[in-house]
Amino acid sequence: AIIPKLRVHIKSIPQKCKESKILIYSSFALFLLFSAFSTKLIMYI
């Protein structure tokens, strides 16, 4: 449901809502970190 609207929403938040950017960037950074680790289990994330 959110993929079609996510790009528009992200473009609208730089000035309006820094909190959304924090959540998006934090999620992405953590996802990359745990993807880079060798051992992985679903519960780790």
PDB file of all heavy atoms in Angstrom:
ATOM      1  N   ALA A   1       0.816  -1.218   0.000  1.00  0.00           N
ATOM      2  CA  ALA A   1       0.000   0.000   0.000  1.00  0.00           C
ATOM      3  C   ALA A   1       0.847   1.265   0.000  1.00  0.00           C
ATOM      4  O   ALA A   1       0.477   2.256  -0.614  1.00  0.00           O
ATOM      5  CB  ALA A   1      -0.927  -0.005   1.216  1.00  0.00           C
ATOM      6  N   ILE A   2       2.008   1.225   0.697  1.00  0.00           N
ATOM      7  CA  ILE A   2       2.756   2.475   0.854  1.00  0.00           C
ATOM      8  C   ILE A   2       3.784   2.731  -0.246  1.00  0.00           C
ATOM      9  O   ILE A   2       4.169   3.877  -0.467  1.00  0.00           O
ATOM     10  CB  ILE A   2       3.475   2.523   2.218  1.00  0.00           C
ATOM     11  CG1 ILE A   2       4.626   1.510   2.261  1.00  0.00           C
ATOM     12  CG2 ILE A   2       2.508   2.325   3.361  1.00  0.00           C
ATOM     13  CD1 ILE A   2       5.522   1.663   3.464  1.00  0.00           C
ATOM     14  N   ILE A   3       4.221   1.669  -0.961  1.00  0.00           N
ATOM     15  CA  ILE A   3       5.244   1.862  -1.993  1.00  0.00           C
ATOM     16  C   ILE A   3       4.847   2.918  -3.021  1.00  0.00           C
ATOM     17  O   ILE A   3       5.648   3.789  -3.359  1.00  0.00           O
ATOM     18  CB  ILE A   3       5.587   0.522  -2.694  1.00  0.00           C
ATOM     19  CG1 ILE A   3       6.407  -0.370  -1.743  1.00  0.00           C
ATOM     20  CG2 ILE A   3       6.352   0.748  -3.989  1.00  0.00           C
ATOM     21  CD1 ILE A   3       7.761   0.206  -1.387  1.00  0.00           C
ATOM     22  N   PRO A   4       3.600   2.900  -3.567  1.00  0.00           N
ATOM     23  CA  PRO A   4       3.248   3.913  -4.564  1.00  0.00           C
ATOM     24  C   PRO A   4       3.300   5.340  -4.024  1.00  0.00           C
ATOM     25  O   PRO A   4       3.567   6.282  -4.768  1.00  0.00           O
ATOM     26  CB  PRO A   4       1.799   3.539  -4.956  1.00  0.00           C
ATOM     27  CG  PRO A   4       1.686   2.101  -4.606  1.00  0.00           C
ATOM     28  CD  PRO A   4       2.512   1.926  -3.382  1.00  0.00           C
ATOM     29  N   LYS A   5       3.058   5.510  -2.728  1.00  0.00           N
ATOM     30  CA  LYS A   5       3.017   6.845  -2.139  1.00  0.00           C
ATOM     31  C   LYS A   5       4.310   7.217  -1.406  1.00  0.00           C
ATOM     32  O   LYS A   5       4.490   8.379  -1.049  1.00  0.00           O
ATOM     33  CB  LYS A   5       1.862   6.918  -1.126  1.00  0.00           C
ATOM     34  CG  LYS A   5       0.482   6.735  -1.745  1.00  0.00           C
ATOM     35  CD  LYS A   5       0.035   8.002  -2.425  1.00  0.00           C
ATOM     36  CE  LYS A   5      -1.407   7.868  -2.929  1.00  0.00           C
ATOM     37  NZ  LYS A   5      -1.895   9.079  -3.560  1.00  0.00           N
ATOM     38  N   LEU A   6       5.196   6.232  -1.196  1.00  0.00           N
ATOM     39  CA  LEU A   6       6.359   6.472  -0.359  1.00  0.00           C
ATOM     40  C   LEU A   6       7.297   7.516  -0.959  1.00  0.00           C
ATOM     41  O   LEU A   6       7.797   8.395  -0.252  1.00  0.00           O
ATOM     42  CB  LEU A   6       7.115   5.158  -0.139  1.00  0.00           C
ATOM     43  CG  LEU A   6       8.258   5.216   0.874  1.00  0.00           C
ATOM     44  CD1 LEU A   6       7.724   5.632   2.236  1.00  0.00           C
ATOM     45  CD2 LEU A   6       8.969   3.869   0.965  1.00  0.00           C
ATOM     46  N   ARG A   7       7.512   7.457  -2.274  1.00  0.00           N
ATOM     47  CA  ARG A   7       8.414   8.422  -2.908  1.00  0.00           C
ATOM     48  C   ARG A   7       7.889   9.843  -2.762  1.00  0.00           C
ATOM     49  O   ARG A   7       8.640  10.771  -2.447  1.00  0.00           O
ATOM     50  CB  ARG A   7       8.580   8.063  -4.392  1.00  0.00           C
ATOM     51  CG  ARG A   7       9.569   8.954  -5.121  1.00  0.00           C
ATOM     52  CD  ARG A   7       9.712   8.511  -6.562  1.00  0.00           C
ATOM     53  NE  ARG A   7      10.617   9.389  -7.291  1.00  0.00           N
ATOM     54  CZ  ARG A   7      10.877   9.290  -8.587  1.00  0.00           C
ATOM     55  NH1 ARG A   7      10.305   8.314  -9.304  1.00  0.00           N
ATOM     56  NH2 ARG A   7      11.701  10.131  -9.176  1.00  0.00           N
ATOM     57  N   VAL A   8       6.596  10.016  -2.966  1.00  0.00           N
ATOM     58  CA  VAL A   8       5.981  11.343  -2.819  1.00  0.00           C
ATOM     59  C   VAL A   8       6.088  11.807  -1.377  1.00  0.00           C
ATOM     60  O   VAL A   8       6.400  12.965  -1.087  1.00  0.00           O
ATOM     61  CB  VAL A   8       4.497  11.303  -3.252  1.00  0.00           C
ATOM     62  CG1 VAL A   8       3.825  12.649  -2.986  1.00  0.00           C
ATOM     63  CG2 VAL A   8       4.393  10.930  -4.726  1.00  0.00           C
ATOM     64  N   HIS A   9       5.848  10.879  -0.442  1.00  0.00           N
ATOM     65  CA  HIS A   9       5.887  11.231   0.975  1.00  0.00           C
ATOM     66  C   HIS A   9       7.293  11.621   1.400  1.00  0.00           C
ATOM     67  O   HIS A   9       7.498  12.608   2.110  1.00  0.00           O
ATOM     68  CB  HIS A   9       5.394  10.061   1.813  1.00  0.00           C
ATOM     69  CG  HIS A   9       5.391  10.336   3.276  1.00  0.00           C
ATOM     70  ND1 HIS A   9       4.693  11.385   3.834  1.00  0.00           N
ATOM     71  CD2 HIS A   9       6.021   9.710   4.305  1.00  0.00           C
ATOM     72  CE1 HIS A   9       4.879  11.390   5.143  1.00  0.00           C
ATOM     73  NE2 HIS A   9       5.688  10.385   5.443  1.00  0.00           N
ATOM     74  N   ILE A  10       8.304  10.852   0.932  1.00  0.00           N
ATOM     75  CA  ILE A  10       9.688  11.157   1.295  1.00  0.00           C
ATOM     76  C   ILE A  10      10.092  12.527   0.764  1.00  0.00           C
ATOM     77  O   ILE A  10      10.777  13.300   1.434  1.00  0.00           O
ATOM     78  CB  ILE A  10      10.639  10.060   0.763  1.00  0.00           C
ATOM     79  CG1 ILE A  10      10.409   8.750   1.527  1.00  0.00           C
ATOM     80  CG2 ILE A  10      12.088  10.487   0.891  1.00  0.00           C
ATOM     81  CD1 ILE A  10      11.214   7.587   1.022  1.00  0.00           C
ATOM     82  N   LYS A  11       9.644  12.860  -0.458  1.00  0.00           N
ATOM     83  CA  LYS A  11       9.975  14.162  -1.025  1.00  0.00           C
ATOM     84  C   LYS A  11       9.349  15.312  -0.235  1.00  0.00           C
ATOM     85  O   LYS A  11       9.849  16.431  -0.239  1.00  0.00           O
ATOM     86  CB  LYS A  11       9.507  14.229  -2.484  1.00  0.00           C
ATOM     87  CG  LYS A  11      10.404  13.459  -3.447  1.00  0.00           C
ATOM     88  CD  LYS A  11       9.936  13.684  -4.871  1.00  0.00           C
ATOM     89  CE  LYS A  11      10.891  13.005  -5.855  1.00  0.00           C
ATOM     90  NZ  LYS A  11      10.473  13.210  -7.260  1.00  0.00           N
ATOM     91  N   SER A  12       8.251  15.017   0.430  1.00  0.00           N
ATOM     92  CA  SER A  12       7.532  16.084   1.139  1.00  0.00           C
ATOM     93  C   SER A  12       8.019  16.298   2.563  1.00  0.00           C
ATOM     94  O   SER A  12       7.616  17.255   3.213  1.00  0.00           O
ATOM     95  CB  SER A  12       6.039  15.772   1.168  1.00  0.00           C
ATOM     96  OG  SER A  12       5.782  14.667   2.011  1.00  0.00           O
ATOM     97  N   ILE A  13       8.916  15.427   3.060  1.00  0.00           N
ATOM     98  CA  ILE A  13       9.274  15.527   4.470  1.00  0.00           C
ATOM     99  C   ILE A  13      10.549  16.290   4.797  1.00  0.00           C
ATOM    100  O   ILE A  13      10.743  16.632   5.959  1.00  0.00           O
ATOM    101  CB  ILE A  13       9.372  14.130   5.121  1.00  0.00           C
ATOM    102  CG1 ILE A  13      10.499  13.330   4.482  1.00  0.00           C
ATOM    103  CG2 ILE A  13       8.064  13.405   5.069  1.00  0.00           C
ATOM    104  CD1 ILE A  13      10.709  11.973   5.122  1.00  0.00           C
ATOM    105  N   PRO A  14      11.440  16.629   3.839  1.00  0.00           N
ATOM    106  CA  PRO A  14      12.683  17.272   4.260  1.00  0.00           C
ATOM    107  C   PRO A  14      12.493  18.522   5.106  1.00  0.00           C
ATOM    108  O   PRO A  14      13.184  18.715   6.086  1.00  0.00           O
ATOM    109  CB  PRO A  14      13.378  17.600   2.936  1.00  0.00           C
ATOM    110  CG  PRO A  14      12.879  16.591   1.989  1.00  0.00           C
ATOM    111  CD  PRO A  14      11.460  16.339   2.401  1.00  0.00           C
ATOM    112  N   GLN A  15      11.561  19.382   4.740  1.00  0.00           N
ATOM    113  CA  GLN A  15      11.336  20.600   5.498  1.00  0.00           C
ATOM    114  C   GLN A  15      10.262  20.418   6.562  1.00  0.00           C
ATOM    115  O   GLN A  15      10.280  21.084   7.590  1.00  0.00           O
ATOM    116  CB  GLN A  15      10.936  21.732   4.535  1.00  0.00           C
ATOM    117  CG  GLN A  15      11.976  22.043   3.464  1.00  0.00           C
ATOM    118  CD  GLN A  15      13.313  22.450   4.066  1.00  0.00           C
ATOM    119  OE1 GLN A  15      13.375  23.110   5.093  1.00  0.00           O
ATOM    120  NE2 GLN A  15      14.400  22.044   3.431  1.00  0.00           N
ATOM    121  N   LYS A  16       9.307  19.556   6.323  1.00  0.00           N
ATOM    122  CA  LYS A  16       8.145  19.421   7.206  1.00  0.00           C
ATOM    123  C   LYS A  16       8.383  18.498   8.394  1.00  0.00           C
ATOM    124  O   LYS A  16       7.908  18.756   9.486  1.00  0.00           O
ATOM    125  CB  LYS A  16       6.945  18.911   6.405  1.00  0.00           C
ATOM    126  CG  LYS A  16       6.412  19.901   5.392  1.00  0.00           C
ATOM    127  CD  LYS A  16       5.447  19.241   4.429  1.00  0.00           C
ATOM    128  CE  LYS A  16       4.384  18.444   5.134  1.00  0.00           C
ATOM    129  NZ  LYS A  16       3.443  17.810   4.197  1.00  0.00           N
ATOM    130  N   CYS A  17       9.114  17.413   8.180  1.00  0.00           N
ATOM    131  CA  CYS A  17       9.167  16.392   9.232  1.00  0.00           C
ATOM    132  C   CYS A  17      10.519  15.693   9.260  1.00  0.00           C
ATOM    133  O   CYS A  17      10.739  14.723   8.539  1.00  0.00           O
ATOM    134  CB  CYS A  17       8.043  15.388   9.036  1.00  0.00           C
ATOM    135  SG  CYS A  17       7.859  14.293  10.441  1.00  0.00           S
ATOM    136  N   LYS A  18      11.402  16.201  10.074  1.00  0.00           N
ATOM    137  CA  LYS A  18      12.719  15.596  10.211  1.00  0.00           C
ATOM    138  C   LYS A  18      12.633  14.236  10.892  1.00  0.00           C
ATOM    139  O   LYS A  18      13.490  13.377  10.682  1.00  0.00           O
ATOM    140  CB  LYS A  18      13.634  16.524  11.001  1.00  0.00           C
ATOM    141  CG  LYS A  18      13.968  17.815  10.273  1.00  0.00           C
ATOM    142  CD  LYS A  18      14.896  18.687  11.104  1.00  0.00           C
ATOM    143  CE  LYS A  18      15.249  19.961  10.341  1.00  0.00           C
ATOM    144  NZ  LYS A  18      16.157  20.826  11.137  1.00  0.00           N
ATOM    145  N   GLU A  19      11.602  14.039  11.715  1.00  0.00           N
ATOM    146  CA  GLU A  19      11.455  12.767  12.430  1.00  0.00           C
ATOM    147  C   GLU A  19      11.314  11.597  11.454  1.00  0.00           C
ATOM    148  O   GLU A  19      11.857  10.514  11.686  1.00  0.00           O
ATOM    149  CB  GLU A  19      10.244  12.819  13.363  1.00  0.00           C
ATOM    150  CG  GLU A  19      10.449  13.630  14.623  1.00  0.00           C
ATOM    151  CD  GLU A  19      10.502  15.124  14.373  1.00  0.00           C
ATOM    152  OE1 GLU A  19       9.999  15.553  13.307  1.00  0.00           O
ATOM    153  OE2 GLU A  19      11.032  15.848  15.225  1.00  0.00           O
ATOM    154  N   SER A  20      10.574  11.813  10.363  1.00  0.00           N
ATOM    155  CA  SER A  20      10.404  10.751   9.372  1.00  0.00           C
ATOM    156  C   SER A  20      11.738  10.396   8.724  1.00  0.00           C
ATOM    157  O   SER A  20      12.031   9.219   8.478  1.00  0.00           O
ATOM    158  CB  SER A  20       9.393  11.173   8.301  1.00  0.00           C
ATOM    159  OG  SER A  20       8.110  11.298   8.843  1.00  0.00           O
ATOM    160  N   LYS A  21      12.549  11.406   8.463  1.00  0.00           N
ATOM    161  CA  LYS A  21      13.860  11.144   7.875  1.00  0.00           C
ATOM    162  C   LYS A  21      14.737  10.343   8.837  1.00  0.00           C
ATOM    163  O   LYS A  21      15.450   9.422   8.425  1.00  0.00           O
ATOM    164  CB  LYS A  21      14.548  12.473   7.532  1.00  0.00           C
ATOM    165  CG  LYS A  21      13.875  13.248   6.416  1.00  0.00           C
ATOM    166  CD  LYS A  21      14.606  14.537   6.106  1.00  0.00           C
ATOM    167  CE  LYS A  21      15.939  14.289   5.450  1.00  0.00           C
ATOM    168  NZ  LYS A  21      16.611  15.552   5.041  1.00  0.00           N
ATOM    169  N   ILE A  22      14.662  10.678  10.112  1.00  0.00           N
ATOM    170  CA  ILE A  22      15.439   9.951  11.116  1.00  0.00           C
ATOM    171  C   ILE A  22      15.049   8.473  11.125  1.00  0.00           C
ATOM    172  O   ILE A  22      15.905   7.581  11.137  1.00  0.00           O
ATOM    173  CB  ILE A  22      15.236  10.562  12.516  1.00  0.00           C
ATOM    174  CG1 ILE A  22      15.807  11.980  12.559  1.00  0.00           C
ATOM    175  CG2 ILE A  22      15.894   9.694  13.590  1.00  0.00           C
ATOM    176  CD1 ILE A  22      15.414  12.756  13.801  1.00  0.00           C
ATOM    177  N   LEU A  23      13.754   8.207  11.117  1.00  0.00           N
ATOM    178  CA  LEU A  23      13.269   6.828  11.139  1.00  0.00           C
ATOM    179  C   LEU A  23      13.675   6.065   9.886  1.00  0.00           C
ATOM    180  O   LEU A  23      14.092   4.902   9.954  1.00  0.00           O
ATOM    181  CB  LEU A  23      11.747   6.808  11.299  1.00  0.00           C
ATOM    182  CG  LEU A  23      11.195   7.357  12.621  1.00  0.00           C
ATOM    183  CD1 LEU A  23       9.676   7.420  12.571  1.00  0.00           C
ATOM    184  CD2 LEU A  23      11.657   6.498  13.789  1.00  0.00           C
ATOM    185  N   ILE A  24      13.544   6.716   8.731  1.00  0.00           N
ATOM    186  CA  ILE A  24      13.891   6.069   7.461  1.00  0.00           C
ATOM    187  C   ILE A  24      15.384   5.770   7.388  1.00  0.00           C
ATOM    188  O   ILE A  24      15.804   4.654   7.058  1.00  0.00           O
ATOM    189  CB  ILE A  24      13.450   6.945   6.273  1.00  0.00           C
ATOM    190  CG1 ILE A  24      11.925   6.999   6.197  1.00  0.00           C
ATOM    191  CG2 ILE A  24      14.020   6.405   4.962  1.00  0.00           C
ATOM    192  CD1 ILE A  24      11.391   8.011   5.200  1.00  0.00           C
ATOM    193  N   TYR A  25      16.206   6.763   7.714  1.00  0.00           N
ATOM    194  CA  TYR A  25      17.655   6.577   7.627  1.00  0.00           C
ATOM    195  C   TYR A  25      18.157   5.570   8.664  1.00  0.00           C
ATOM    196  O   TYR A  25      19.047   4.763   8.374  1.00  0.00           O
ATOM    197  CB  TYR A  25      18.378   7.919   7.809  1.00  0.00           C
ATOM    198  CG  TYR A  25      18.105   8.922   6.711  1.00  0.00           C
ATOM    199  CD1 TYR A  25      18.372  10.273   6.885  1.00  0.00           C
ATOM    200  CD2 TYR A  25      17.566   8.514   5.491  1.00  0.00           C
ATOM    201  CE1 TYR A  25      18.120  11.198   5.879  1.00  0.00           C
ATOM    202  CE2 TYR A  25      17.308   9.427   4.486  1.00  0.00           C
ATOM    203  CZ  TYR A  25      17.588  10.770   4.685  1.00  0.00           C
ATOM    204  OH  TYR A  25      17.332  11.671   3.684  1.00  0.00           O
ATOM    205  N   SER A  26      17.591   5.607   9.871  1.00  0.00           N
ATOM    206  CA  SER A  26      17.996   4.655  10.910  1.00  0.00           C
ATOM    207  C   SER A  26      17.647   3.232  10.509  1.00  0.00           C
ATOM    208  O   SER A  26      18.462   2.306  10.669  1.00  0.00           O
ATOM    209  CB  SER A  26      17.320   4.998  12.238  1.00  0.00           C
ATOM    210  OG  SER A  26      17.684   6.273  12.691  1.00  0.00           O
ATOM    211  N   SER A  27      16.432   3.045  10.000  1.00  0.00           N
ATOM    212  CA  SER A  27      16.003   1.711   9.568  1.00  0.00           C
ATOM    213  C   SER A  27      16.919   1.183   8.479  1.00  0.00           C
ATOM    214  O   SER A  27      17.356   0.014   8.519  1.00  0.00           O
ATOM    215  CB  SER A  27      14.563   1.755   9.048  1.00  0.00           C
ATOM    216  OG  SER A  27      13.676   2.218  10.029  1.00  0.00           O
ATOM    217  N   PHE A  28      17.223   2.030   7.506  1.00  0.00           N
ATOM    218  CA  PHE A  28      18.053   1.621   6.377  1.00  0.00           C
ATOM    219  C   PHE A  28      19.474   1.289   6.831  1.00  0.00           C
ATOM    220  O   PHE A  28      20.058   0.278   6.411  1.00  0.00           O
ATOM    221  CB  PHE A  28      18.084   2.725   5.319  1.00  0.00           C
ATOM    222  CG  PHE A  28      18.765   2.331   4.043  1.00  0.00           C
ATOM    223  CD1 PHE A  28      18.220   1.361   3.212  1.00  0.00           C
ATOM    224  CD2 PHE A  28      19.966   2.921   3.676  1.00  0.00           C
ATOM    225  CE1 PHE A  28      18.861   0.988   2.037  1.00  0.00           C
ATOM    226  CE2 PHE A  28      20.613   2.560   2.499  1.00  0.00           C
ATOM    227  CZ  PHE A  28      20.051   1.585   1.680  1.00  0.00           C
ATOM    228  N   ALA A  29      20.037   2.121   7.711  1.00  0.00           N
ATOM    229  CA  ALA A  29      21.400   1.889   8.204  1.00  0.00           C
ATOM    230  C   ALA A  29      21.489   0.578   8.990  1.00  0.00           C
ATOM    231  O   ALA A  29      22.424  -0.209   8.806  1.00  0.00           O
ATOM    232  CB  ALA A  29      21.840   3.067   9.076  1.00  0.00           C
ATOM    233  N   LEU A  30      20.513   0.333   9.851  1.00  0.00           N
ATOM    234  CA  LEU A  30      20.507  -0.904  10.632  1.00  0.00           C
ATOM    235  C   LEU A  30      20.317  -2.123   9.735  1.00  0.00           C
ATOM    236  O   LEU A  30      20.938  -3.178   9.956  1.00  0.00           O
ATOM    237  CB  LEU A  30      19.402  -0.852  11.688  1.00  0.00           C
ATOM    238  CG  LEU A  30      19.682   0.046  12.892  1.00  0.00           C
ATOM    239  CD1 LEU A  30      18.415   0.273  13.704  1.00  0.00           C
ATOM    240  CD2 LEU A  30      20.783  -0.558  13.766  1.00  0.00           C
ATOM    241  N   PHE A  31      19.469  -1.980   8.739  1.00  0.00           N
ATOM    242  CA  PHE A  31      19.242  -3.079   7.796  1.00  0.00           C
ATOM    243  C   PHE A  31      20.541  -3.441   7.066  1.00  0.00           C
ATOM    244  O   PHE A  31      20.874  -4.619   6.921  1.00  0.00           O
ATOM    245  CB  PHE A  31      18.163  -2.686   6.792  1.00  0.00           C
ATOM    246  CG  PHE A  31      17.830  -3.763   5.803  1.00  0.00           C
ATOM    247  CD1 PHE A  31      17.022  -4.829   6.171  1.00  0.00           C
ATOM    248  CD2 PHE A  31      18.328  -3.724   4.511  1.00  0.00           C
ATOM    249  CE1 PHE A  31      16.727  -5.843   5.265  1.00  0.00           C
ATOM    250  CE2 PHE A  31      18.039  -4.718   3.595  1.00  0.00           C
ATOM    251  CZ  PHE A  31      17.229  -5.781   3.978  1.00  0.00           C
ATOM    252  N   LEU A  32      21.288  -2.440   6.634  1.00  0.00           N
ATOM    253  CA  LEU A  32      22.559  -2.688   5.950  1.00  0.00           C
ATOM    254  C   LEU A  32      23.587  -3.309   6.902  1.00  0.00           C
ATOM    255  O   LEU A  32      24.327  -4.218   6.514  1.00  0.00           O
ATOM    256  CB  LEU A  32      23.113  -1.378   5.371  1.00  0.00           C
ATOM    257  CG  LEU A  32      22.390  -0.817   4.151  1.00  0.00           C
ATOM    258  CD1 LEU A  32      23.057   0.476   3.704  1.00  0.00           C
ATOM    259  CD2 LEU A  32      22.388  -1.819   3.008  1.00  0.00           C
ATOM    260  N   LEU A  33      23.632  -2.816   8.133  1.00  0.00           N
ATOM    261  CA  LEU A  33      24.579  -3.337   9.118  1.00  0.00           C
ATOM    262  C   LEU A  33      24.352  -4.824   9.371  1.00  0.00           C
ATOM    263  O   LEU A  33      25.292  -5.628   9.316  1.00  0.00           O
ATOM    264  CB  LEU A  33      24.457  -2.564  10.427  1.00  0.00           C
ATOM    265  CG  LEU A  33      25.278  -1.281  10.566  1.00  0.00           C
ATOM    266  CD1 LEU A  33      24.901  -0.559  11.861  1.00  0.00           C
ATOM    267  CD2 LEU A  33      26.766  -1.586  10.553  1.00  0.00           C
ATOM    268  N   PHE A  34      23.106  -5.183   9.631  1.00  0.00           N
ATOM    269  CA  PHE A  34      22.819  -6.578   9.941  1.00  0.00           C
ATOM    270  C   PHE A  34      22.907  -7.463   8.698  1.00  0.00           C
ATOM    271  O   PHE A  34      23.150  -8.659   8.811  1.00  0.00           O
ATOM    272  CB  PHE A  34      21.451  -6.698  10.611  1.00  0.00           C
ATOM    273  CG  PHE A  34      21.481  -6.379  12.077  1.00  0.00           C
ATOM    274  CD1 PHE A  34      21.374  -5.073  12.513  1.00  0.00           C
ATOM    275  CD2 PHE A  34      21.660  -7.377  13.014  1.00  0.00           C
ATOM    276  CE1 PHE A  34      21.424  -4.763  13.861  1.00  0.00           C
ATOM    277  CE2 PHE A  34      21.721  -7.088  14.364  1.00  0.00           C
ATOM    278  CZ  PHE A  34      21.607  -5.768  14.792  1.00  0.00           C
ATOM    279  N   SER A  35      22.721  -6.879   7.529  1.00  0.00           N
ATOM    280  CA  SER A  35      22.924  -7.640   6.290  1.00  0.00           C
ATOM    281  C   SER A  35      24.407  -7.917   6.073  1.00  0.00           C
ATOM    282  O   SER A  35      24.783  -8.951   5.503  1.00  0.00           O
ATOM    283  CB  SER A  35      22.362  -6.865   5.094  1.00  0.00           C
ATOM    284  OG  SER A  35      20.962  -6.745   5.179  1.00  0.00           O
ATOM    285  N   ALA A  36      25.260  -6.998   6.533  1.00  0.00           N
ATOM    286  CA  ALA A  36      26.706  -7.164   6.365  1.00  0.00           C
ATOM    287  C   ALA A  36      27.279  -8.194   7.326  1.00  0.00           C
ATOM    288  O   ALA A  36      28.314  -8.812   7.033  1.00  0.00           O
ATOM    289  CB  ALA A  36      27.407  -5.824   6.568  1.00  0.00           C
ATOM    290  N   PHE A  37      26.630  -8.400   8.463  1.00  0.00           N
ATOM    291  CA  PHE A  37      27.108  -9.401   9.423  1.00  0.00           C
ATOM    292  C   PHE A  37      26.966 -10.799   8.826  1.00  0.00           C
ATOM    293  O   PHE A  37      26.006 -11.084   8.107  1.00  0.00           O
ATOM    294  CB  PHE A  37      26.331  -9.331  10.727  1.00  0.00           C
ATOM    295  CG  PHE A  37      26.558  -8.053  11.497  1.00  0.00           C
ATOM    296  CD1 PHE A  37      25.643  -7.632  12.450  1.00  0.00           C
ATOM    297  CD2 PHE A  37      27.678  -7.269  11.273  1.00  0.00           C
ATOM    298  CE1 PHE A  37      25.840  -6.460  13.156  1.00  0.00           C
ATOM    299  CE2 PHE A  37      27.891  -6.097  11.968  1.00  0.00           C
ATOM    300  CZ  PHE A  37      26.968  -5.684  12.914  1.00  0.00           C
ATOM    301  N   SER A  38      27.905 -11.663   9.153  1.00  0.00           N
ATOM    302  CA  SER A  38      27.902 -13.003   8.583  1.00  0.00           C
ATOM    303  C   SER A  38      26.737 -13.844   9.106  1.00  0.00           C
ATOM    304  O   SER A  38      26.001 -14.458   8.339  1.00  0.00           O
ATOM    305  CB  SER A  38      29.230 -13.706   8.886  1.00  0.00           C
ATOM    306  OG  SER A  38      29.230 -15.009   8.365  1.00  0.00           O
ATOM    307  N   THR A  39      26.575 -13.898  10.432  1.00  0.00           N
ATOM    308  CA  THR A  39      25.490 -14.712  11.006  1.00  0.00           C
ATOM    309  C   THR A  39      24.186 -13.936  11.012  1.00  0.00           C
ATOM    310  O   THR A  39      24.167 -12.756  11.345  1.00  0.00           O
ATOM    311  CB  THR A  39      25.836 -15.147  12.441  1.00  0.00           C
ATOM    312  OG1 THR A  39      26.023 -13.989  13.254  1.00  0.00           O
ATOM    313  CG2 THR A  39      27.093 -15.983  12.469  1.00  0.00           C
ATOM    314  N   LYS A  40      23.124 -14.614  10.638  1.00  0.00           N
ATOM    315  CA  LYS A  40      21.828 -13.951  10.519  1.00  0.00           C
ATOM    316  C   LYS A  40      20.712 -14.876  11.005  1.00  0.00           C
ATOM    317  O   LYS A  40      20.696 -16.058  10.687  1.00  0.00           O
ATOM    318  CB  LYS A  40      21.555 -13.556   9.063  1.00  0.00           C
ATOM    319  CG  LYS A  40      22.541 -12.572   8.456  1.00  0.00           C
ATOM    320  CD  LYS A  40      22.199 -12.293   7.002  1.00  0.00           C
ATOM    321  CE  LYS A  40      23.161 -11.296   6.374  1.00  0.00           C
ATOM    322  NZ  LYS A  40      24.503 -11.890   6.202  1.00  0.00           N
ATOM    323  N   LEU A  41      19.794 -14.309  11.760  1.00  0.00           N
ATOM    324  CA  LEU A  41      18.548 -14.948  12.123  1.00  0.00           C
ATOM    325  C   LEU A  41      17.446 -13.897  12.038  1.00  0.00           C
ATOM    326  O   LEU A  41      17.707 -12.690  12.178  1.00  0.00           O
ATOM    327  CB  LEU A  41      18.603 -15.523  13.550  1.00  0.00           C
ATOM    328  CG  LEU A  41      19.407 -16.807  13.765  1.00  0.00           C
ATOM    329  CD1 LEU A  41      19.387 -17.196  15.235  1.00  0.00           C
ATOM    330  CD2 LEU A  41      18.870 -17.950  12.920  1.00  0.00           C
ATOM    331  N   ILE A  42      16.223 -14.337  11.808  1.00  0.00           N
ATOM    332  CA  ILE A  42      15.117 -13.389  11.657  1.00  0.00           C
ATOM    333  C   ILE A  42      15.003 -12.482  12.876  1.00  0.00           C
ATOM    334  O   ILE A  42      14.817 -11.266  12.746  1.00  0.00           O
ATOM    335  CB  ILE A  42      13.787 -14.145  11.428  1.00  0.00           C
ATOM    336  CG1 ILE A  42      13.836 -14.901  10.110  1.00  0.00           C
ATOM    337  CG2 ILE A  42      12.609 -13.179  11.431  1.00  0.00           C
ATOM    338  CD1 ILE A  42      12.603 -15.759   9.853  1.00  0.00           C
ATOM    339  N   MET A  43      15.128 -13.057  14.068  1.00  0.00           N
ATOM    340  CA  MET A  43      14.910 -12.292  15.290  1.00  0.00           C
ATOM    341  C   MET A  43      15.977 -11.226  15.542  1.00  0.00           C
ATOM    342  O   MET A  43      15.755 -10.324  16.349  1.00  0.00           O
ATOM    343  CB  MET A  43      14.837 -13.224  16.497  1.00  0.00           C
ATOM    344  CG  MET A  43      13.554 -13.993  16.593  1.00  0.00           C
ATOM    345  SD  MET A  43      12.133 -12.891  16.772  1.00  0.00           S
ATOM    346  CE  MET A  43      10.923 -13.777  15.842  1.00  0.00           C
ATOM    347  N   TYR A  44      17.114 -11.317  14.868  1.00  0.00           N
ATOM    348  CA  TYR A  44      18.168 -10.333  15.076  1.00  0.00           C
ATOM    349  C   TYR A  44      17.700  -8.915  14.733  1.00  0.00           C
ATOM    350  O   TYR A  44      18.176  -7.944  15.318  1.00  0.00           O
ATOM    351  CB  TYR A  44      19.397 -10.665  14.216  1.00  0.00           C
ATOM    352  CG  TYR A  44      20.206 -11.848  14.692  1.00  0.00           C
ATOM    353  CD1 TYR A  44      21.321 -12.281  13.985  1.00  0.00           C
ATOM    354  CD2 TYR A  44      19.867 -12.541  15.843  1.00  0.00           C
ATOM    355  CE1 TYR A  44      22.074 -13.372  14.417  1.00  0.00           C
ATOM    356  CE2 TYR A  44      20.604 -13.628  16.280  1.00  0.00           C
ATOM    357  CZ  TYR A  44      21.709 -14.034  15.558  1.00  0.00           C
ATOM    358  OH  TYR A  44      22.445 -15.113  15.991  1.00  0.00           O
ATOM    359  N   ILE A  45      16.773  -8.785  13.772  1.00  0.00           N
ATOM    360  CA  ILE A  45      16.350  -7.453  13.335  1.00  0.00           C
ATOM    361  C   ILE A  45      15.012  -7.021  13.944  1.00  0.00           C
ATOM    362  O   ILE A  45      14.460  -5.989  13.553  1.00  0.00           O
ATOM    363  CB  ILE A  45      16.270  -7.376  11.794  1.00  0.00           C
ATOM    364  CG1 ILE A  45      15.291  -8.414  11.237  1.00  0.00           C
ATOM    365  CG2 ILE A  45      17.649  -7.531  11.176  1.00  0.00           C
ATOM    366  CD1 ILE A  45      15.040  -8.267   9.738  1.00  0.00           C
TER     367      ILE A  45
END
